Amino acid sequence: MDIRKIAVGPDYKSGAMHYIVGQSVLGNTAVIHLIKYVESEDAFKIWIESKDKKEVILWKSFLNMPVSVEYNINF
């Protein structure tokens, strides 16, 4: 399933960082391209794409942290 959003941190409403596919990051120079759970590493990883669409790179990796996941639902 495609992950649409993750919240990383112990308190979803007030203490977690929220990351959403398509969200602008790094001073509006990039957008979140993909959020994926990598089972072999037991980690959630976030890839970003530069606004000029030339490059997709790994930006963040979360291991051993509380994570709430929201999936894309397509009816």
PDB file of N, CA and C in Angstrom:
ATOM      1  N   MET A   1       0.825  -1.183   0.000  1.00  0.00           N
ATOM      2  CA  MET A   1       0.000   0.000   0.000  1.00  0.00           C
ATOM      3  C   MET A   1       0.872   1.250   0.000  1.00  0.00           C
ATOM      4  N   ASP A   2       0.379   2.265  -0.654  1.00  0.00           N
ATOM      5  CA  ASP A   2       1.089   3.541  -0.700  1.00  0.00           C
ATOM      6  C   ASP A   2       0.874   4.308   0.594  1.00  0.00           C
ATOM      7  N   ILE A   3       1.970   4.796   1.170  1.00  0.00           N
ATOM      8  CA  ILE A   3       1.877   5.634   2.357  1.00  0.00           C
ATOM      9  C   ILE A   3       1.707   7.078   1.913  1.00  0.00           C
ATOM     10  N   ARG A   4       0.701   7.753   2.458  1.00  0.00           N
ATOM     11  CA  ARG A   4       0.418   9.147   2.137  1.00  0.00           C
ATOM     12  C   ARG A   4       1.034  10.083   3.156  1.00  0.00           C
ATOM     13  N   LYS A   5       1.047   9.649   4.429  1.00  0.00           N
ATOM     14  CA  LYS A   5       1.499  10.526   5.508  1.00  0.00           C
ATOM     15  C   LYS A   5       2.025   9.685   6.668  1.00  0.00           C
ATOM     16  N   ILE A   6       3.086  10.201   7.333  1.00  0.00           N
ATOM     17  CA  ILE A   6       3.508   9.621   8.600  1.00  0.00           C
ATOM     18  C   ILE A   6       3.653  10.735   9.625  1.00  0.00           C
ATOM     19  N   ALA A   7       3.411  10.371  10.863  1.00  0.00           N
ATOM     20  CA  ALA A   7       3.642  11.265  11.997  1.00  0.00           C
ATOM     21  C   ALA A   7       4.651  10.553  12.881  1.00  0.00           C
ATOM     22  N   VAL A   8       5.768  11.216  13.161  1.00  0.00           N
ATOM     23  CA  VAL A   8       6.854  10.604  13.912  1.00  0.00           C
ATOM     24  C   VAL A   8       6.966  11.297  15.264  1.00  0.00           C
ATOM     25  N   GLY A   9       6.806  10.520  16.323  1.00  0.00           N
ATOM     26  CA  GLY A   9       6.889  11.072  17.674  1.00  0.00           C
ATOM     27  C   GLY A   9       5.824  10.479  18.571  1.00  0.00           C
ATOM     28  N   PRO A  10       5.987  10.652  19.862  1.00  0.00           N
ATOM     29  CA  PRO A  10       5.103   9.981  20.830  1.00  0.00           C
ATOM     30  C   PRO A  10       3.711  10.593  20.958  1.00  0.00           C
ATOM     31  N   ASP A  11       3.537  11.857  20.653  1.00  0.00           N
ATOM     32  CA  ASP A  11       2.248  12.525  20.821  1.00  0.00           C
ATOM     33  C   ASP A  11       1.787  13.059  19.472  1.00  0.00           C
ATOM     34  N   TYR A  12       0.841  12.366  18.845  1.00  0.00           N
ATOM     35  CA  TYR A  12       0.421  12.664  17.476  1.00  0.00           C
ATOM     36  C   TYR A  12       0.031  14.125  17.275  1.00  0.00           C
ATOM     37  N   LYS A  13      -0.746  14.687  18.200  1.00  0.00           N
ATOM     38  CA  LYS A  13      -1.269  16.043  17.991  1.00  0.00           C
ATOM     39  C   LYS A  13      -0.284  17.152  18.319  1.00  0.00           C
ATOM     40  N   SER A  14       0.527  16.984  19.351  1.00  0.00           N
ATOM     41  CA  SER A  14       1.351  18.130  19.755  1.00  0.00           C
ATOM     42  C   SER A  14       2.859  17.874  19.746  1.00  0.00           C
ATOM     43  N   GLY A  15       3.275  16.623  19.657  1.00  0.00           N
ATOM     44  CA  GLY A  15       4.703  16.382  19.738  1.00  0.00           C
ATOM     45  C   GLY A  15       5.310  15.670  18.553  1.00  0.00           C
ATOM     46  N   ALA A  16       4.493  15.339  17.551  1.00  0.00           N
ATOM     47  CA  ALA A  16       4.995  14.578  16.409  1.00  0.00           C
ATOM     48  C   ALA A  16       5.297  15.492  15.226  1.00  0.00           C
ATOM     49  N   MET A  17       6.243  15.073  14.419  1.00  0.00           N
ATOM     50  CA  MET A  17       6.523  15.731  13.142  1.00  0.00           C
ATOM     51  C   MET A  17       5.715  14.995  12.076  1.00  0.00           C
ATOM     52  N   HIS A  18       5.028  15.751  11.218  1.00  0.00           N
ATOM     53  CA  HIS A  18       4.173  15.178  10.192  1.00  0.00           C
ATOM     54  C   HIS A  18       4.815  15.376   8.820  1.00  0.00           C
ATOM     55  N   TYR A  19       4.841  14.293   8.043  1.00  0.00           N
ATOM     56  CA  TYR A  19       5.418  14.325   6.698  1.00  0.00           C
ATOM     57  C   TYR A  19       4.382  13.777   5.721  1.00  0.00           C
ATOM     58  N   ILE A  20       4.087  14.535   4.648  1.00  0.00           N
ATOM     59  CA  ILE A  20       3.046  14.182   3.692  1.00  0.00           C
ATOM     60  C   ILE A  20       3.642  14.195   2.287  1.00  0.00           C
ATOM     61  N   VAL A  21       3.338  13.156   1.504  1.00  0.00           N
ATOM     62  CA  VAL A  21       3.791  13.123   0.112  1.00  0.00           C
ATOM     63  C   VAL A  21       3.263  14.369  -0.598  1.00  0.00           C
ATOM     64  N   GLY A  22       4.141  15.077  -1.296  1.00  0.00           N
ATOM     65  CA  GLY A  22       3.798  16.301  -2.001  1.00  0.00           C
ATOM     66  C   GLY A  22       4.070  17.563  -1.191  1.00  0.00           C
ATOM     67  N   GLN A  23       4.404  17.416   0.090  1.00  0.00           N
ATOM     68  CA  GLN A  23       4.687  18.564   0.965  1.00  0.00           C
ATOM     69  C   GLN A  23       6.002  19.220   0.574  1.00  0.00           C
ATOM     70  N   SER A  24       6.020  20.542   0.533  1.00  0.00           N
ATOM     71  CA  SER A  24       7.249  21.292   0.260  1.00  0.00           C
ATOM     72  C   SER A  24       8.157  21.245   1.486  1.00  0.00           C
ATOM     73  N   VAL A  25       9.456  21.063   1.247  1.00  0.00           N
ATOM     74  CA  VAL A  25      10.451  20.998   2.326  1.00  0.00           C
ATOM     75  C   VAL A  25      11.710  21.742   1.895  1.00  0.00           C
ATOM     76  N   LEU A  26      12.609  21.900   2.822  1.00  0.00           N
ATOM     77  CA  LEU A  26      13.911  22.528   2.565  1.00  0.00           C
ATOM     78  C   LEU A  26      13.763  23.908   1.926  1.00  0.00           C
ATOM     79  N   GLY A  27      12.980  24.755   2.579  1.00  0.00           N
ATOM     80  CA  GLY A  27      12.806  26.111   2.080  1.00  0.00           C
ATOM     81  C   GLY A  27      12.147  26.170   0.726  1.00  0.00           C
ATOM     82  N   ASN A  28      11.211  25.261   0.487  1.00  0.00           N
ATOM     83  CA  ASN A  28      10.454  25.214  -0.760  1.00  0.00           C
ATOM     84  C   ASN A  28      11.324  24.866  -1.980  1.00  0.00           C
ATOM     85  N   THR A  29      12.454  24.196  -1.761  1.00  0.00           N
ATOM     86  CA  THR A  29      13.309  23.793  -2.882  1.00  0.00           C
ATOM     87  C   THR A  29      13.070  22.350  -3.303  1.00  0.00           C
ATOM     88  N   ALA A  30      12.288  21.604  -2.488  1.00  0.00           N
ATOM     89  CA  ALA A  30      12.035  20.194  -2.784  1.00  0.00           C
ATOM     90  C   ALA A  30      10.663  19.811  -2.247  1.00  0.00           C
ATOM     91  N   VAL A  31      10.164  18.653  -2.709  1.00  0.00           N
ATOM     92  CA  VAL A  31       8.906  18.107  -2.208  1.00  0.00           C
ATOM     93  C   VAL A  31       9.134  16.655  -1.793  1.00  0.00           C
ATOM     94  N   ILE A  32       8.323  16.206  -0.859  1.00  0.00           N
ATOM     95  CA  ILE A  32       8.394  14.798  -0.469  1.00  0.00           C
ATOM     96  C   ILE A  32       7.858  13.967  -1.623  1.00  0.00           C
ATOM     97  N   HIS A  33       8.689  13.089  -2.122  1.00  0.00           N
ATOM     98  CA  HIS A  33       8.379  12.280  -3.302  1.00  0.00           C
ATOM     99  C   HIS A  33       7.781  10.926  -2.915  1.00  0.00           C
ATOM    100  N   LEU A  34       8.327  10.306  -1.865  1.00  0.00           N
ATOM    101  CA  LEU A  34       7.916   8.950  -1.495  1.00  0.00           C
ATOM    102  C   LEU A  34       8.181   8.720  -0.015  1.00  0.00           C
ATOM    103  N   ILE A  35       7.239   8.055   0.645  1.00  0.00           N
ATOM    104  CA  ILE A  35       7.433   7.568   2.014  1.00  0.00           C
ATOM    105  C   ILE A  35       7.239   6.064   1.951  1.00  0.00           C
ATOM    106  N   LYS A  36       8.217   5.321   2.447  1.00  0.00           N
ATOM    107  CA  LYS A  36       8.164   3.863   2.317  1.00  0.00           C
ATOM    108  C   LYS A  36       8.701   3.192   3.569  1.00  0.00           C
ATOM    109  N   TYR A  37       8.063   2.094   3.946  1.00  0.00           N
ATOM    110  CA  TYR A  37       8.585   1.254   5.020  1.00  0.00           C
ATOM    111  C   TYR A  37       9.506   0.224   4.385  1.00  0.00           C
ATOM    112  N   VAL A  38      10.746   0.163   4.863  1.00  0.00           N
ATOM    113  CA  VAL A  38      11.724  -0.793   4.348  1.00  0.00           C
ATOM    114  C   VAL A  38      11.852  -1.908   5.379  1.00  0.00           C
ATOM    115  N   GLU A  39      11.213  -3.023   5.088  1.00  0.00           N
ATOM    116  CA  GLU A  39      11.115  -4.123   6.052  1.00  0.00           C
ATOM    117  C   GLU A  39      12.476  -4.677   6.455  1.00  0.00           C
ATOM    118  N   SER A  40      13.394  -4.795   5.524  1.00  0.00           N
ATOM    119  CA  SER A  40      14.709  -5.374   5.825  1.00  0.00           C
ATOM    120  C   SER A  40      15.504  -4.536   6.823  1.00  0.00           C
ATOM    121  N   GLU A  41      15.179  -3.237   6.915  1.00  0.00           N
ATOM    122  CA  GLU A  41      15.867  -2.346   7.844  1.00  0.00           C
ATOM    123  C   GLU A  41      14.977  -1.935   9.018  1.00  0.00           C
ATOM    124  N   ASP A  42      13.708  -2.367   8.979  1.00  0.00           N
ATOM    125  CA  ASP A  42      12.707  -1.990   9.979  1.00  0.00           C
ATOM    126  C   ASP A  42      12.694  -0.473  10.162  1.00  0.00           C
ATOM    127  N   ALA A  43      12.618   0.241   9.035  1.00  0.00           N
ATOM    128  CA  ALA A  43      12.708   1.701   9.056  1.00  0.00           C
ATOM    129  C   ALA A  43      11.725   2.313   8.062  1.00  0.00           C
ATOM    130  N   PHE A  44      11.242   3.498   8.413  1.00  0.00           N
ATOM    131  CA  PHE A  44      10.481   4.311   7.484  1.00  0.00           C
ATOM    132  C   PHE A  44      11.452   5.290   6.839  1.00  0.00           C
ATOM    133  N   LYS A  45      11.381   5.405   5.509  1.00  0.00           N
ATOM    134  CA  LYS A  45      12.306   6.275   4.787  1.00  0.00           C
ATOM    135  C   LYS A  45      11.521   7.276   3.953  1.00  0.00           C
ATOM    136  N   ILE A  46      12.070   8.491   3.873  1.00  0.00           N
ATOM    137  CA  ILE A  46      11.442   9.567   3.104  1.00  0.00           C
ATOM    138  C   ILE A  46      12.412  10.028   2.020  1.00  0.00           C
ATOM    139  N   TRP A  47      11.935   9.990   0.774  1.00  0.00           N
ATOM    140  CA  TRP A  47      12.710  10.492  -0.357  1.00  0.00           C
ATOM    141  C   TRP A  47      12.109  11.816  -0.803  1.00  0.00           C
ATOM    142  N   ILE A  48      12.973  12.755  -1.182  1.00  0.00           N
ATOM    143  CA  ILE A  48      12.525  14.048  -1.680  1.00  0.00           C
ATOM    144  C   ILE A  48      12.976  14.230  -3.126  1.00  0.00           C
ATOM    145  N   GLU A  49      12.236  15.086  -3.831  1.00  0.00           N
ATOM    146  CA  GLU A  49      12.552  15.409  -5.220  1.00  0.00           C
ATOM    147  C   GLU A  49      12.778  16.908  -5.318  1.00  0.00           C
ATOM    148  N   SER A  50      13.878  17.283  -5.945  1.00  0.00           N
ATOM    149  CA  SER A  50      14.164  18.711  -6.115  1.00  0.00           C
ATOM    150  C   SER A  50      13.085  19.338  -6.995  1.00  0.00           C
ATOM    151  N   LYS A  51      12.795  20.610  -6.751  1.00  0.00           N
ATOM    152  CA  LYS A  51      11.728  21.299  -7.495  1.00  0.00           C
ATOM    153  C   LYS A  51      12.013  21.358  -8.991  1.00  0.00           C
ATOM    154  N   ASP A  52      13.283  21.323  -9.366  1.00  0.00           N
ATOM    155  CA  ASP A  52      13.599  21.337 -10.794  1.00  0.00           C
ATOM    156  C   ASP A  52      13.477  19.940 -11.414  1.00  0.00           C
ATOM    157  N   LYS A  53      13.030  18.971 -10.608  1.00  0.00           N
ATOM    158  CA  LYS A  53      12.719  17.602 -11.051  1.00  0.00           C
ATOM    159  C   LYS A  53      13.919  16.840 -11.612  1.00  0.00           C
ATOM    160  N   LYS A  54      15.098  17.204 -11.172  1.00  0.00           N
ATOM    161  CA  LYS A  54      16.279  16.539 -11.701  1.00  0.00           C
ATOM    162  C   LYS A  54      16.763  15.376 -10.844  1.00  0.00           C
ATOM    163  N   GLU A  55      16.356  15.339  -9.565  1.00  0.00           N
ATOM    164  CA  GLU A  55      16.968  14.357  -8.679  1.00  0.00           C
ATOM    165  C   GLU A  55      16.026  13.970  -7.553  1.00  0.00           C
ATOM    166  N   VAL A  56      16.011  12.668  -7.229  1.00  0.00           N
ATOM    167  CA  VAL A  56      15.299  12.148  -6.064  1.00  0.00           C
ATOM    168  C   VAL A  56      16.351  11.554  -5.145  1.00  0.00           C
ATOM    169  N   ILE A  57      16.347  12.000  -3.871  1.00  0.00           N
ATOM    170  CA  ILE A  57      17.351  11.506  -2.919  1.00  0.00           C
ATOM    171  C   ILE A  57      16.686  11.135  -1.601  1.00  0.00           C
ATOM    172  N   LEU A  58      17.347  10.235  -0.876  1.00  0.00           N
ATOM    173  CA  LEU A  58      16.886   9.860   0.458  1.00  0.00           C
ATOM    174  C   LEU A  58      17.148  11.025   1.394  1.00  0.00           C
ATOM    175  N   TRP A  59      16.119  11.437   2.130  1.00  0.00           N
ATOM    176  CA  TRP A  59      16.215  12.603   3.007  1.00  0.00           C
ATOM    177  C   TRP A  59      16.237  12.211   4.472  1.00  0.00           C
ATOM    178  N   LYS A  60      15.338  11.325   4.881  1.00  0.00           N
ATOM    179  CA  LYS A  60      15.250  10.949   6.293  1.00  0.00           C
ATOM    180  C   LYS A  60      14.959   9.467   6.424  1.00  0.00           C
ATOM    181  N   SER A  61      15.407   8.920   7.556  1.00  0.00           N
ATOM    182  CA  SER A  61      15.144   7.534   7.893  1.00  0.00           C
ATOM    183  C   SER A  61      14.808   7.470   9.377  1.00  0.00           C
ATOM    184  N   PHE A  62      13.721   6.775   9.720  1.00  0.00           N
ATOM    185  CA  PHE A  62      13.294   6.679  11.117  1.00  0.00           C
ATOM    186  C   PHE A  62      13.300   5.224  11.563  1.00  0.00           C
ATOM    187  N   LEU A  63      14.100   4.947  12.605  1.00  0.00           N
ATOM    188  CA  LEU A  63      14.199   3.607  13.187  1.00  0.00           C
ATOM    189  C   LEU A  63      13.877   3.704  14.671  1.00  0.00           C
ATOM    190  N   ASN A  64      13.202   2.709  15.188  1.00  0.00           N
ATOM    191  CA  ASN A  64      12.923   2.618  16.625  1.00  0.00           C
ATOM    192  C   ASN A  64      12.280   3.869  17.194  1.00  0.00           C
ATOM    193  N   MET A  65      11.323   4.420  16.474  1.00  0.00           N
ATOM    194  CA  MET A  65      10.584   5.599  16.938  1.00  0.00           C
ATOM    195  C   MET A  65       9.095   5.332  16.749  1.00  0.00           C
ATOM    196  N   PRO A  66       8.251   5.942  17.584  1.00  0.00           N
ATOM    197  CA  PRO A  66       6.810   5.804  17.359  1.00  0.00           C
ATOM    198  C   PRO A  66       6.412   6.489  16.052  1.00  0.00           C
ATOM    199  N   VAL A  67       5.695   5.764  15.200  1.00  0.00           N
ATOM    200  CA  VAL A  67       5.269   6.295  13.909  1.00  0.00           C
ATOM    201  C   VAL A  67       3.800   5.938  13.680  1.00  0.00           C
ATOM    202  N   SER A  68       2.999   6.934  13.313  1.00  0.00           N
ATOM    203  CA  SER A  68       1.625   6.705  12.866  1.00  0.00           C
ATOM    204  C   SER A  68       1.628   6.805  11.348  1.00  0.00           C
ATOM    205  N   VAL A  69       0.931   5.871  10.701  1.00  0.00           N
ATOM    206  CA  VAL A  69       0.956   5.808   9.244  1.00  0.00           C
ATOM    207  C   VAL A  69      -0.449   6.034   8.703  1.00  0.00           C
ATOM    208  N   GLU A  70      -0.536   6.843   7.642  1.00  0.00           N
ATOM    209  CA  GLU A  70      -1.789   7.033   6.917  1.00  0.00           C
ATOM    210  C   GLU A  70      -1.550   6.603   5.481  1.00  0.00           C
ATOM    211  N   TYR A  71      -2.396   5.714   4.984  1.00  0.00           N
ATOM    212  CA  TYR A  71      -2.237   5.168   3.636  1.00  0.00           C
ATOM    213  C   TYR A  71      -3.135   5.888   2.656  1.00  0.00           C
ATOM    214  N   ASN A  72      -2.770   5.849   1.368  1.00  0.00           N
ATOM    215  CA  ASN A  72      -3.650   6.328   0.311  1.00  0.00           C
ATOM    216  C   ASN A  72      -4.799   5.338   0.185  1.00  0.00           C
ATOM    217  N   ILE A  73      -6.004   5.848   0.138  1.00  0.00           N
ATOM    218  CA  ILE A  73      -7.177   5.011  -0.048  1.00  0.00           C
ATOM    219  C   ILE A  73      -7.823   5.449  -1.349  1.00  0.00           C
ATOM    220  N   ASN A  74      -7.885   4.531  -2.292  1.00  0.00           N
ATOM    221  CA  ASN A  74      -8.479   4.816  -3.590  1.00  0.00           C
ATOM    222  C   ASN A  74      -9.689   3.920  -3.787  1.00  0.00           C
ATOM    223  N   PHE A  75     -10.869   4.525  -3.803  1.00  0.00           N
ATOM    224  CA  PHE A  75     -12.108   3.756  -4.004  1.00  0.00           C
ATOM    225  C   PHE A  75     -12.453   3.699  -5.458  1.00  0.00           C
TER     226      PHE A  75
END
